[in-house]
Amino acid sequence: MSDLNETPAVPEPPSGGDERAGLYLAGATLMALGWGLAVVLNLILHAVAPAGGLPLGPIVVYATWGAYAQAAALIGLLTGAVGAGIFWVASSAPEGPLVLPGYNY
């Protein structure tokens, strides 16, 4: 028989590991989606679109650089910048599991 007061309700988390890998993955994903998809692909599609438009399924891309294309590019620039910031945090973080400053582990 075991004393329930002596056993933890939640098992201890595994020690070790390097959580910077998740930050690298998140930063790279945001940079690829923001700069790669929303900016570069947006520019390429508008550059190759004919005057009558380039149908891509339910979406038609025209050669003009309209408000939607500008907004998508701006959001893509900001998303890529956030991704670059996350990537920078991951590269400047110490090796090993992430710890909160001042928290007594």
PDB file of N, CA and C in Angstrom:
ATOM      1  N   MET A   1       0.845  -1.172   0.000  1.00  0.00           N
ATOM      2  CA  MET A   1       0.000   0.000   0.000  1.00  0.00           C
ATOM      3  C   MET A   1       0.894   1.239   0.000  1.00  0.00           C
ATOM      4  N   SER A   2       0.488   2.269  -0.731  1.00  0.00           N
ATOM      5  CA  SER A   2       1.301   3.487  -0.807  1.00  0.00           C
ATOM      6  C   SER A   2       0.537   4.666  -0.239  1.00  0.00           C
ATOM      7  N   ASP A   3       1.280   5.587   0.284  1.00  0.00           N
ATOM      8  CA  ASP A   3       0.693   6.797   0.838  1.00  0.00           C
ATOM      9  C   ASP A   3       0.484   7.789  -0.297  1.00  0.00           C
ATOM     10  N   LEU A   4      -0.755   8.193  -0.523  1.00  0.00           N
ATOM     11  CA  LEU A   4      -1.048   9.103  -1.632  1.00  0.00           C
ATOM     12  C   LEU A   4      -0.485  10.495  -1.418  1.00  0.00           C
ATOM     13  N   ASN A   5      -0.233  10.871  -0.181  1.00  0.00           N
ATOM     14  CA  ASN A   5       0.332  12.195   0.076  1.00  0.00           C
ATOM     15  C   ASN A   5       1.785  12.290  -0.343  1.00  0.00           C
ATOM     16  N   GLU A   6       2.460  11.180  -0.459  1.00  0.00           N
ATOM     17  CA  GLU A   6       3.868  11.173  -0.814  1.00  0.00           C
ATOM     18  C   GLU A   6       4.119  11.073  -2.313  1.00  0.00           C
ATOM     19  N   THR A   7       3.092  10.742  -3.089  1.00  0.00           N
ATOM     20  CA  THR A   7       3.286  10.605  -4.540  1.00  0.00           C
ATOM     21  C   THR A   7       2.806  11.874  -5.232  1.00  0.00           C
ATOM     22  N   PRO A   8       3.567  12.367  -6.191  1.00  0.00           N
ATOM     23  CA  PRO A   8       3.141  13.586  -6.894  1.00  0.00           C
ATOM     24  C   PRO A   8       1.936  13.302  -7.802  1.00  0.00           C
ATOM     25  N   ALA A   9       1.094  14.291  -7.960  1.00  0.00           N
ATOM     26  CA  ALA A   9      -0.086  14.137  -8.811  1.00  0.00           C
ATOM     27  C   ALA A   9       0.306  14.124 -10.288  1.00  0.00           C
ATOM     28  N   VAL A  10       1.359  14.830 -10.611  1.00  0.00           N
ATOM     29  CA  VAL A  10       1.841  14.907 -11.992  1.00  0.00           C
ATOM     30  C   VAL A  10       3.279  14.403 -11.999  1.00  0.00           C
ATOM     31  N   PRO A  11       3.614  13.513 -12.920  1.00  0.00           N
ATOM     32  CA  PRO A  11       4.997  13.027 -12.934  1.00  0.00           C
ATOM     33  C   PRO A  11       5.976  14.152 -13.264  1.00  0.00           C
ATOM     34  N   GLU A  12       7.183  14.011 -12.781  1.00  0.00           N
ATOM     35  CA  GLU A  12       8.217  15.012 -13.024  1.00  0.00           C
ATOM     36  C   GLU A  12       8.524  15.106 -14.516  1.00  0.00           C
ATOM     37  N   PRO A  13       8.738  16.309 -15.038  1.00  0.00           N
ATOM     38  CA  PRO A  13       9.099  16.428 -16.447  1.00  0.00           C
ATOM     39  C   PRO A  13      10.494  15.863 -16.687  1.00  0.00           C
ATOM     40  N   PRO A  14      10.733  15.353 -17.869  1.00  0.00           N
ATOM     41  CA  PRO A  14      12.069  14.815 -18.137  1.00  0.00           C
ATOM     42  C   PRO A  14      13.105  15.940 -18.129  1.00  0.00           C
ATOM     43  N   SER A  15      14.266  15.641 -17.593  1.00  0.00           N
ATOM     44  CA  SER A  15      15.305  16.657 -17.540  1.00  0.00           C
ATOM     45  C   SER A  15      16.100  16.635 -18.835  1.00  0.00           C
ATOM     46  N   GLY A  16      16.773  17.721 -19.109  1.00  0.00           N
ATOM     47  CA  GLY A  16      17.595  17.805 -20.315  1.00  0.00           C
ATOM     48  C   GLY A  16      16.780  18.301 -21.494  1.00  0.00           C
ATOM     49  N   GLY A  17      17.331  18.090 -22.661  1.00  0.00           N
ATOM     50  CA  GLY A  17      16.661  18.565 -23.866  1.00  0.00           C
ATOM     51  C   GLY A  17      17.083  19.975 -24.198  1.00  0.00           C
ATOM     52  N   ASP A  18      16.833  20.371 -25.402  1.00  0.00           N
ATOM     53  CA  ASP A  18      17.175  21.712 -25.839  1.00  0.00           C
ATOM     54  C   ASP A  18      15.955  22.295 -26.541  1.00  0.00           C
ATOM     55  N   GLU A  19      15.280  23.205 -25.873  1.00  0.00           N
ATOM     56  CA  GLU A  19      14.039  23.749 -26.403  1.00  0.00           C
ATOM     57  C   GLU A  19      14.277  24.842 -27.434  1.00  0.00           C
ATOM     58  N   ARG A  20      15.537  25.141 -27.725  1.00  0.00           N
ATOM     59  CA  ARG A  20      15.817  26.124 -28.770  1.00  0.00           C
ATOM     60  C   ARG A  20      15.425  25.595 -30.137  1.00  0.00           C
ATOM     61  N   ALA A  21      15.353  24.276 -30.277  1.00  0.00           N
ATOM     62  CA  ALA A  21      14.976  23.693 -31.568  1.00  0.00           C
ATOM     63  C   ALA A  21      13.581  24.144 -31.974  1.00  0.00           C
ATOM     64  N   GLY A  22      12.666  24.225 -31.027  1.00  0.00           N
ATOM     65  CA  GLY A  22      11.320  24.700 -31.318  1.00  0.00           C
ATOM     66  C   GLY A  22      11.310  26.165 -31.725  1.00  0.00           C
ATOM     67  N   LEU A  23      12.156  26.964 -31.084  1.00  0.00           N
ATOM     68  CA  LEU A  23      12.243  28.374 -31.454  1.00  0.00           C
ATOM     69  C   LEU A  23      12.837  28.534 -32.851  1.00  0.00           C
ATOM     70  N   TYR A  24      13.858  27.733 -33.166  1.00  0.00           N
ATOM     71  CA  TYR A  24      14.422  27.779 -34.516  1.00  0.00           C
ATOM     72  C   TYR A  24      13.366  27.395 -35.555  1.00  0.00           C
ATOM     73  N   LEU A  25      12.603  26.354 -35.268  1.00  0.00           N
ATOM     74  CA  LEU A  25      11.575  25.905 -36.205  1.00  0.00           C
ATOM     75  C   LEU A  25      10.481  26.959 -36.369  1.00  0.00           C
ATOM     76  N   ALA A  26      10.048  27.558 -35.269  1.00  0.00           N
ATOM     77  CA  ALA A  26       9.011  28.588 -35.339  1.00  0.00           C
ATOM     78  C   ALA A  26       9.502  29.812 -36.109  1.00  0.00           C
ATOM     79  N   GLY A  27      10.729  30.251 -35.829  1.00  0.00           N
ATOM     80  CA  GLY A  27      11.271  31.411 -36.531  1.00  0.00           C
ATOM     81  C   GLY A  27      11.446  31.153 -38.011  1.00  0.00           C
ATOM     82  N   ALA A  28      11.965  29.970 -38.358  1.00  0.00           N
ATOM     83  CA  ALA A  28      12.145  29.643 -39.776  1.00  0.00           C
ATOM     84  C   ALA A  28      10.811  29.521 -40.497  1.00  0.00           C
ATOM     85  N   THR A  29       9.799  28.974 -39.828  1.00  0.00           N
ATOM     86  CA  THR A  29       8.476  28.857 -40.441  1.00  0.00           C
ATOM     87  C   THR A  29       7.868  30.229 -40.697  1.00  0.00           C
ATOM     88  N   LEU A  30       7.967  31.117 -39.724  1.00  0.00           N
ATOM     89  CA  LEU A  30       7.415  32.460 -39.912  1.00  0.00           C
ATOM     90  C   LEU A  30       8.162  33.230 -40.997  1.00  0.00           C
ATOM     91  N   MET A  31       9.475  33.066 -41.069  1.00  0.00           N
ATOM     92  CA  MET A  31      10.227  33.743 -42.121  1.00  0.00           C
ATOM     93  C   MET A  31       9.865  33.180 -43.494  1.00  0.00           C
ATOM     94  N   ALA A  32       9.720  31.859 -43.595  1.00  0.00           N
ATOM     95  CA  ALA A  32       9.378  31.248 -44.881  1.00  0.00           C
ATOM     96  C   ALA A  32       7.986  31.657 -45.321  1.00  0.00           C
ATOM     97  N   LEU A  33       7.035  31.660 -44.408  1.00  0.00           N
ATOM     98  CA  LEU A  33       5.669  32.047 -44.768  1.00  0.00           C
ATOM     99  C   LEU A  33       5.569  33.544 -45.049  1.00  0.00           C
ATOM    100  N   GLY A  34       6.216  34.341 -44.216  1.00  0.00           N
ATOM    101  CA  GLY A  34       6.109  35.788 -44.372  1.00  0.00           C
ATOM    102  C   GLY A  34       6.867  36.306 -45.573  1.00  0.00           C
ATOM    103  N   TRP A  35       8.169  36.093 -45.573  1.00  0.00           N
ATOM    104  CA  TRP A  35       8.987  36.640 -46.663  1.00  0.00           C
ATOM    105  C   TRP A  35       8.865  35.806 -47.926  1.00  0.00           C
ATOM    106  N   GLY A  36       8.828  34.495 -47.780  1.00  0.00           N
ATOM    107  CA  GLY A  36       8.796  33.633 -48.964  1.00  0.00           C
ATOM    108  C   GLY A  36       7.449  33.622 -49.658  1.00  0.00           C
ATOM    109  N   LEU A  37       6.399  33.394 -48.894  1.00  0.00           N
ATOM    110  CA  LEU A  37       5.075  33.235 -49.504  1.00  0.00           C
ATOM    111  C   LEU A  37       4.388  34.580 -49.739  1.00  0.00           C
ATOM    112  N   ALA A  38       4.289  35.384 -48.689  1.00  0.00           N
ATOM    113  CA  ALA A  38       3.501  36.614 -48.793  1.00  0.00           C
ATOM    114  C   ALA A  38       4.222  37.739 -49.533  1.00  0.00           C
ATOM    115  N   VAL A  39       5.527  37.698 -49.605  1.00  0.00           N
ATOM    116  CA  VAL A  39       6.245  38.769 -50.297  1.00  0.00           C
ATOM    117  C   VAL A  39       6.762  38.291 -51.651  1.00  0.00           C
ATOM    118  N   VAL A  40       7.627  37.287 -51.650  1.00  0.00           N
ATOM    119  CA  VAL A  40       8.281  36.861 -52.898  1.00  0.00           C
ATOM    120  C   VAL A  40       7.284  36.250 -53.871  1.00  0.00           C
ATOM    121  N   LEU A  41       6.477  35.305 -53.389  1.00  0.00           N
ATOM    122  CA  LEU A  41       5.494  34.683 -54.280  1.00  0.00           C
ATOM    123  C   LEU A  41       4.473  35.706 -54.761  1.00  0.00           C
ATOM    124  N   ASN A  42       4.092  36.621 -53.900  1.00  0.00           N
ATOM    125  CA  ASN A  42       3.170  37.689 -54.268  1.00  0.00           C
ATOM    126  C   ASN A  42       3.750  38.542 -55.393  1.00  0.00           C
ATOM    127  N   LEU A  43       5.017  38.934 -55.255  1.00  0.00           N
ATOM    128  CA  LEU A  43       5.663  39.734 -56.293  1.00  0.00           C
ATOM    129  C   LEU A  43       5.790  38.965 -57.611  1.00  0.00           C
ATOM    130  N   ILE A  44       6.175  37.687 -57.526  1.00  0.00           N
ATOM    131  CA  ILE A  44       6.332  36.877 -58.736  1.00  0.00           C
ATOM    132  C   ILE A  44       5.000  36.698 -59.453  1.00  0.00           C
ATOM    133  N   LEU A  45       3.946  36.402 -58.715  1.00  0.00           N
ATOM    134  CA  LEU A  45       2.636  36.200 -59.348  1.00  0.00           C
ATOM    135  C   LEU A  45       2.153  37.474 -60.033  1.00  0.00           C
ATOM    136  N   HIS A  46       2.336  38.608 -59.413  1.00  0.00           N
ATOM    137  CA  HIS A  46       1.897  39.865 -60.034  1.00  0.00           C
ATOM    138  C   HIS A  46       2.779  40.236 -61.219  1.00  0.00           C
ATOM    139  N   ALA A  47       4.037  39.816 -61.188  1.00  0.00           N
ATOM    140  CA  ALA A  47       4.933  40.131 -62.299  1.00  0.00           C
ATOM    141  C   ALA A  47       4.610  39.288 -63.535  1.00  0.00           C
ATOM    142  N   VAL A  48       4.217  38.037 -63.354  1.00  0.00           N
ATOM    143  CA  VAL A  48       3.962  37.161 -64.497  1.00  0.00           C
ATOM    144  C   VAL A  48       2.496  37.165 -64.937  1.00  0.00           C
ATOM    145  N   ALA A  49       1.632  37.828 -64.191  1.00  0.00           N
ATOM    146  CA  ALA A  49       0.209  37.839 -64.540  1.00  0.00           C
ATOM    147  C   ALA A  49      -0.026  38.662 -65.802  1.00  0.00           C
ATOM    148  N   PRO A  50      -0.816  38.140 -66.741  1.00  0.00           N
ATOM    149  CA  PRO A  50      -1.151  38.929 -67.928  1.00  0.00           C
ATOM    150  C   PRO A  50      -2.173  40.018 -67.584  1.00  0.00           C
ATOM    151  N   ALA A  51      -2.451  40.866 -68.534  1.00  0.00           N
ATOM    152  CA  ALA A  51      -3.369  41.982 -68.302  1.00  0.00           C
ATOM    153  C   ALA A  51      -4.774  41.491 -67.958  1.00  0.00           C
ATOM    154  N   GLY A  52      -5.180  40.344 -68.505  1.00  0.00           N
ATOM    155  CA  GLY A  52      -6.513  39.811 -68.222  1.00  0.00           C
ATOM    156  C   GLY A  52      -6.613  39.080 -66.908  1.00  0.00           C
ATOM    157  N   GLY A  53      -5.515  38.839 -66.253  1.00  0.00           N
ATOM    158  CA  GLY A  53      -5.517  38.156 -64.968  1.00  0.00           C
ATOM    159  C   GLY A  53      -5.019  36.729 -65.084  1.00  0.00           C
ATOM    160  N   LEU A  54      -4.507  36.203 -64.003  1.00  0.00           N
ATOM    161  CA  LEU A  54      -3.987  34.839 -63.927  1.00  0.00           C
ATOM    162  C   LEU A  54      -4.886  34.067 -62.967  1.00  0.00           C
ATOM    163  N   PRO A  55      -5.758  33.175 -63.489  1.00  0.00           N
ATOM    164  CA  PRO A  55      -6.647  32.441 -62.580  1.00  0.00           C
ATOM    165  C   PRO A  55      -5.890  31.352 -61.821  1.00  0.00           C
ATOM    166  N   LEU A  56      -6.028  31.363 -60.517  1.00  0.00           N
ATOM    167  CA  LEU A  56      -5.454  30.345 -59.639  1.00  0.00           C
ATOM    168  C   LEU A  56      -6.579  29.774 -58.779  1.00  0.00           C
ATOM    169  N   GLY A  57      -7.351  28.874 -59.364  1.00  0.00           N
ATOM    170  CA  GLY A  57      -8.518  28.341 -58.673  1.00  0.00           C
ATOM    171  C   GLY A  57      -9.563  29.436 -58.535  1.00  0.00           C
ATOM    172  N   PRO A  58     -10.048  29.678 -57.312  1.00  0.00           N
ATOM    173  CA  PRO A  58     -11.058  30.728 -57.132  1.00  0.00           C
ATOM    174  C   PRO A  58     -10.485  32.144 -57.099  1.00  0.00           C
ATOM    175  N   ILE A  59      -9.168  32.268 -57.129  1.00  0.00           N
ATOM    176  CA  ILE A  59      -8.510  33.572 -57.042  1.00  0.00           C
ATOM    177  C   ILE A  59      -7.970  33.953 -58.416  1.00  0.00           C
ATOM    178  N   VAL A  60      -8.135  35.218 -58.776  1.00  0.00           N
ATOM    179  CA  VAL A  60      -7.564  35.733 -60.016  1.00  0.00           C
ATOM    180  C   VAL A  60      -6.553  36.808 -59.647  1.00  0.00           C
ATOM    181  N   VAL A  61      -5.306  36.620 -60.082  1.00  0.00           N
ATOM    182  CA  VAL A  61      -4.223  37.564 -59.789  1.00  0.00           C
ATOM    183  C   VAL A  61      -4.035  38.445 -61.017  1.00  0.00           C
ATOM    184  N   TYR A  62      -4.118  39.752 -60.812  1.00  0.00           N
ATOM    185  CA  TYR A  62      -3.951  40.703 -61.907  1.00  0.00           C
ATOM    186  C   TYR A  62      -2.554  41.314 -61.853  1.00  0.00           C
ATOM    187  N   ALA A  63      -2.151  41.936 -62.938  1.00  0.00           N
ATOM    188  CA  ALA A  63      -0.819  42.524 -63.022  1.00  0.00           C
ATOM    189  C   ALA A  63      -0.688  43.784 -62.163  1.00  0.00           C
ATOM    190  N   THR A  64      -1.785  44.403 -61.809  1.00  0.00           N
ATOM    191  CA  THR A  64      -1.724  45.624 -60.996  1.00  0.00           C
ATOM    192  C   THR A  64      -1.408  45.281 -59.545  1.00  0.00           C
ATOM    193  N   TRP A  65      -0.740  46.193 -58.888  1.00  0.00           N
ATOM    194  CA  TRP A  65      -0.337  46.022 -57.500  1.00  0.00           C
ATOM    195  C   TRP A  65      -1.369  46.736 -56.636  1.00  0.00           C
ATOM    196  N   GLY A  66      -2.485  46.038 -56.349  1.00  0.00           N
ATOM    197  CA  GLY A  66      -3.608  46.649 -55.646  1.00  0.00           C
ATOM    198  C   GLY A  66      -3.449  46.659 -54.134  1.00  0.00           C
ATOM    199  N   ALA A  67      -4.522  47.088 -53.479  1.00  0.00           N
ATOM    200  CA  ALA A  67      -4.499  47.228 -52.021  1.00  0.00           C
ATOM    201  C   ALA A  67      -4.329  45.879 -51.329  1.00  0.00           C
ATOM    202  N   TYR A  68      -4.962  44.829 -51.856  1.00  0.00           N
ATOM    203  CA  TYR A  68      -4.837  43.503 -51.243  1.00  0.00           C
ATOM    204  C   TYR A  68      -3.397  42.994 -51.350  1.00  0.00           C
ATOM    205  N   ALA A  69      -2.779  43.175 -52.496  1.00  0.00           N
ATOM    206  CA  ALA A  69      -1.393  42.727 -52.685  1.00  0.00           C
ATOM    207  C   ALA A  69      -0.445  43.513 -51.776  1.00  0.00           C
ATOM    208  N   GLN A  70      -0.689  44.807 -51.631  1.00  0.00           N
ATOM    209  CA  GLN A  70       0.152  45.617 -50.745  1.00  0.00           C
ATOM    210  C   GLN A  70      -0.029  45.195 -49.289  1.00  0.00           C
ATOM    211  N   ALA A  71      -1.269  44.926 -48.883  1.00  0.00           N
ATOM    212  CA  ALA A  71      -1.528  44.495 -47.507  1.00  0.00           C
ATOM    213  C   ALA A  71      -0.893  43.133 -47.244  1.00  0.00           C
ATOM    214  N   ALA A  72      -0.996  42.215 -48.202  1.00  0.00           N
ATOM    215  CA  ALA A  72      -0.378  40.894 -48.031  1.00  0.00           C
ATOM    216  C   ALA A  72       1.135  41.016 -47.917  1.00  0.00           C
ATOM    217  N   ALA A  73       1.733  41.882 -48.711  1.00  0.00           N
ATOM    218  CA  ALA A  73       3.184  42.078 -48.638  1.00  0.00           C
ATOM    219  C   ALA A  73       3.592  42.711 -47.312  1.00  0.00           C
ATOM    220  N   LEU A  74       2.823  43.664 -46.817  1.00  0.00           N
ATOM    221  CA  LEU A  74       3.131  44.299 -45.538  1.00  0.00           C
ATOM    222  C   LEU A  74       3.007  43.303 -44.394  1.00  0.00           C
ATOM    223  N   ILE A  75       1.945  42.514 -44.390  1.00  0.00           N
ATOM    224  CA  ILE A  75       1.783  41.492 -43.357  1.00  0.00           C
ATOM    225  C   ILE A  75       2.909  40.464 -43.460  1.00  0.00           C
ATOM    226  N   GLY A  76       3.306  40.123 -44.684  1.00  0.00           N
ATOM    227  CA  GLY A  76       4.410  39.195 -44.872  1.00  0.00           C
ATOM    228  C   GLY A  76       5.730  39.744 -44.358  1.00  0.00           C
ATOM    229  N   LEU A  77       5.970  41.033 -44.591  1.00  0.00           N
ATOM    230  CA  LEU A  77       7.190  41.657 -44.065  1.00  0.00           C
ATOM    231  C   LEU A  77       7.214  41.625 -42.538  1.00  0.00           C
ATOM    232  N   LEU A  78       6.080  41.941 -41.930  1.00  0.00           N
ATOM    233  CA  LEU A  78       6.008  41.936 -40.472  1.00  0.00           C
ATOM    234  C   LEU A  78       6.131  40.520 -39.915  1.00  0.00           C
ATOM    235  N   THR A  79       5.497  39.557 -40.555  1.00  0.00           N
ATOM    236  CA  THR A  79       5.582  38.166 -40.103  1.00  0.00           C
ATOM    237  C   THR A  79       7.012  37.653 -40.205  1.00  0.00           C
ATOM    238  N   GLY A  80       7.686  37.967 -41.296  1.00  0.00           N
ATOM    239  CA  GLY A  80       9.082  37.573 -41.437  1.00  0.00           C
ATOM    240  C   GLY A  80       9.972  38.230 -40.402  1.00  0.00           C
ATOM    241  N   ALA A  81       9.676  39.488 -40.069  1.00  0.00           N
ATOM    242  CA  ALA A  81      10.468  40.183 -39.048  1.00  0.00           C
ATOM    243  C   ALA A  81      10.266  39.546 -37.675  1.00  0.00           C
ATOM    244  N   VAL A  82       9.046  39.149 -37.358  1.00  0.00           N
ATOM    245  CA  VAL A  82       8.793  38.451 -36.093  1.00  0.00           C
ATOM    246  C   VAL A  82       9.541  37.119 -36.081  1.00  0.00           C
ATOM    247  N   GLY A  83       9.513  36.413 -37.202  1.00  0.00           N
ATOM    248  CA  GLY A  83      10.253  35.161 -37.308  1.00  0.00           C
ATOM    249  C   GLY A  83      11.747  35.358 -37.125  1.00  0.00           C
ATOM    250  N   ALA A  84      12.286  36.425 -37.700  1.00  0.00           N
ATOM    251  CA  ALA A  84      13.707  36.721 -37.526  1.00  0.00           C
ATOM    252  C   ALA A  84      14.010  37.042 -36.066  1.00  0.00           C
ATOM    253  N   GLY A  85      13.095  37.728 -35.382  1.00  0.00           N
ATOM    254  CA  GLY A  85      13.271  38.013 -33.956  1.00  0.00           C
ATOM    255  C   GLY A  85      13.273  36.742 -33.119  1.00  0.00           C
ATOM    256  N   ILE A  86      12.376  35.823 -33.424  1.00  0.00           N
ATOM    257  CA  ILE A  86      12.342  34.540 -32.706  1.00  0.00           C
ATOM    258  C   ILE A  86      13.620  33.763 -32.978  1.00  0.00           C
ATOM    259  N   PHE A  87      14.078  33.793 -34.219  1.00  0.00           N
ATOM    260  CA  PHE A  87      15.321  33.106 -34.580  1.00  0.00           C
ATOM    261  C   PHE A  87      16.501  33.710 -33.820  1.00  0.00           C
ATOM    262  N   TRP A  88      16.523  35.029 -33.668  1.00  0.00           N
ATOM    263  CA  TRP A  88      17.590  35.698 -32.928  1.00  0.00           C
ATOM    264  C   TRP A  88      17.539  35.321 -31.447  1.00  0.00           C
ATOM    265  N   VAL A  89      16.330  35.249 -30.867  1.00  0.00           N
ATOM    266  CA  VAL A  89      16.198  34.836 -29.464  1.00  0.00           C
ATOM    267  C   VAL A  89      16.725  33.417 -29.284  1.00  0.00           C
ATOM    268  N   ALA A  90      16.423  32.539 -30.237  1.00  0.00           N
ATOM    269  CA  ALA A  90      16.889  31.158 -30.145  1.00  0.00           C
ATOM    270  C   ALA A  90      18.407  31.088 -30.233  1.00  0.00           C
ATOM    271  N   SER A  91      19.006  31.922 -31.070  1.00  0.00           N
ATOM    272  CA  SER A  91      20.465  31.867 -31.205  1.00  0.00           C
ATOM    273  C   SER A  91      21.183  32.495 -30.021  1.00  0.00           C
ATOM    274  N   SER A  92      20.537  33.402 -29.310  1.00  0.00           N
ATOM    275  CA  SER A  92      21.182  34.033 -28.164  1.00  0.00           C
ATOM    276  C   SER A  92      20.845  33.346 -26.843  1.00  0.00           C
ATOM    277  N   ALA A  93      19.912  32.384 -26.855  1.00  0.00           N
ATOM    278  CA  ALA A  93      19.554  31.668 -25.629  1.00  0.00           C
ATOM    279  C   ALA A  93      20.646  30.659 -25.277  1.00  0.00           C
ATOM    280  N   PRO A  94      20.847  30.399 -23.998  1.00  0.00           N
ATOM    281  CA  PRO A  94      21.854  29.411 -23.615  1.00  0.00           C
ATOM    282  C   PRO A  94      21.400  28.001 -23.978  1.00  0.00           C
ATOM    283  N   GLU A  95      22.363  27.115 -24.107  1.00  0.00           N
ATOM    284  CA  GLU A  95      22.067  25.740 -24.466  1.00  0.00           C
ATOM    285  C   GLU A  95      21.345  25.045 -23.312  1.00  0.00           C
ATOM    286  N   GLY A  96      20.447  24.144 -23.626  1.00  0.00           N
ATOM    287  CA  GLY A  96      19.723  23.397 -22.608  1.00  0.00           C
ATOM    288  C   GLY A  96      18.276  23.835 -22.540  1.00  0.00           C
ATOM    289  N   PRO A  97      17.551  23.322 -21.552  1.00  0.00           N
ATOM    290  CA  PRO A  97      16.132  23.682 -21.456  1.00  0.00           C
ATOM    291  C   PRO A  97      15.961  25.158 -21.097  1.00  0.00           C
ATOM    292  N   LEU A  98      14.879  25.735 -21.576  1.00  0.00           N
ATOM    293  CA  LEU A  98      14.598  27.137 -21.269  1.00  0.00           C
ATOM    294  C   LEU A  98      14.202  27.270 -19.796  1.00  0.00           C
ATOM    295  N   VAL A  99      14.718  28.253 -19.143  1.00  0.00           N
ATOM    296  CA  VAL A  99      14.380  28.522 -17.752  1.00  0.00           C
ATOM    297  C   VAL A  99      13.991  29.992 -17.627  1.00  0.00           C
ATOM    298  N   LEU A 100      13.072  30.254 -16.740  1.00  0.00           N
ATOM    299  CA  LEU A 100      12.673  31.631 -16.482  1.00  0.00           C
ATOM    300  C   LEU A 100      13.680  32.285 -15.546  1.00  0.00           C
ATOM    301  N   PRO A 101      14.103  33.501 -15.839  1.00  0.00           N
ATOM    302  CA  PRO A 101      15.080  34.152 -14.949  1.00  0.00           C
ATOM    303  C   PRO A 101      14.483  34.390 -13.568  1.00  0.00           C
ATOM    304  N   GLY A 102      15.251  34.099 -12.558  1.00  0.00           N
ATOM    305  CA  GLY A 102      14.809  34.335 -11.191  1.00  0.00           C
ATOM    306  C   GLY A 102      13.971  33.222 -10.587  1.00  0.00           C
ATOM    307  N   TYR A 103      13.629  32.203 -11.372  1.00  0.00           N
ATOM    308  CA  TYR A 103      12.815  31.107 -10.848  1.00  0.00           C
ATOM    309  C   TYR A 103      13.731  30.044 -10.271  1.00  0.00           C
ATOM    310  N   ASN A 104      13.464  29.636  -9.057  1.00  0.00           N
ATOM    311  CA  ASN A 104      14.304  28.660  -8.372  1.00  0.00           C
ATOM    312  C   ASN A 104      13.951  27.251  -8.833  1.00  0.00           C
ATOM    313  N   TYR A 105      14.779  26.674  -9.674  1.00  0.00           N
ATOM    314  CA  TYR A 105      14.552  25.312 -10.141  1.00  0.00           C
ATOM    315  C   TYR A 105      15.162  24.391  -9.159  1.00  0.00           C
TER     316      TYR A 105
END
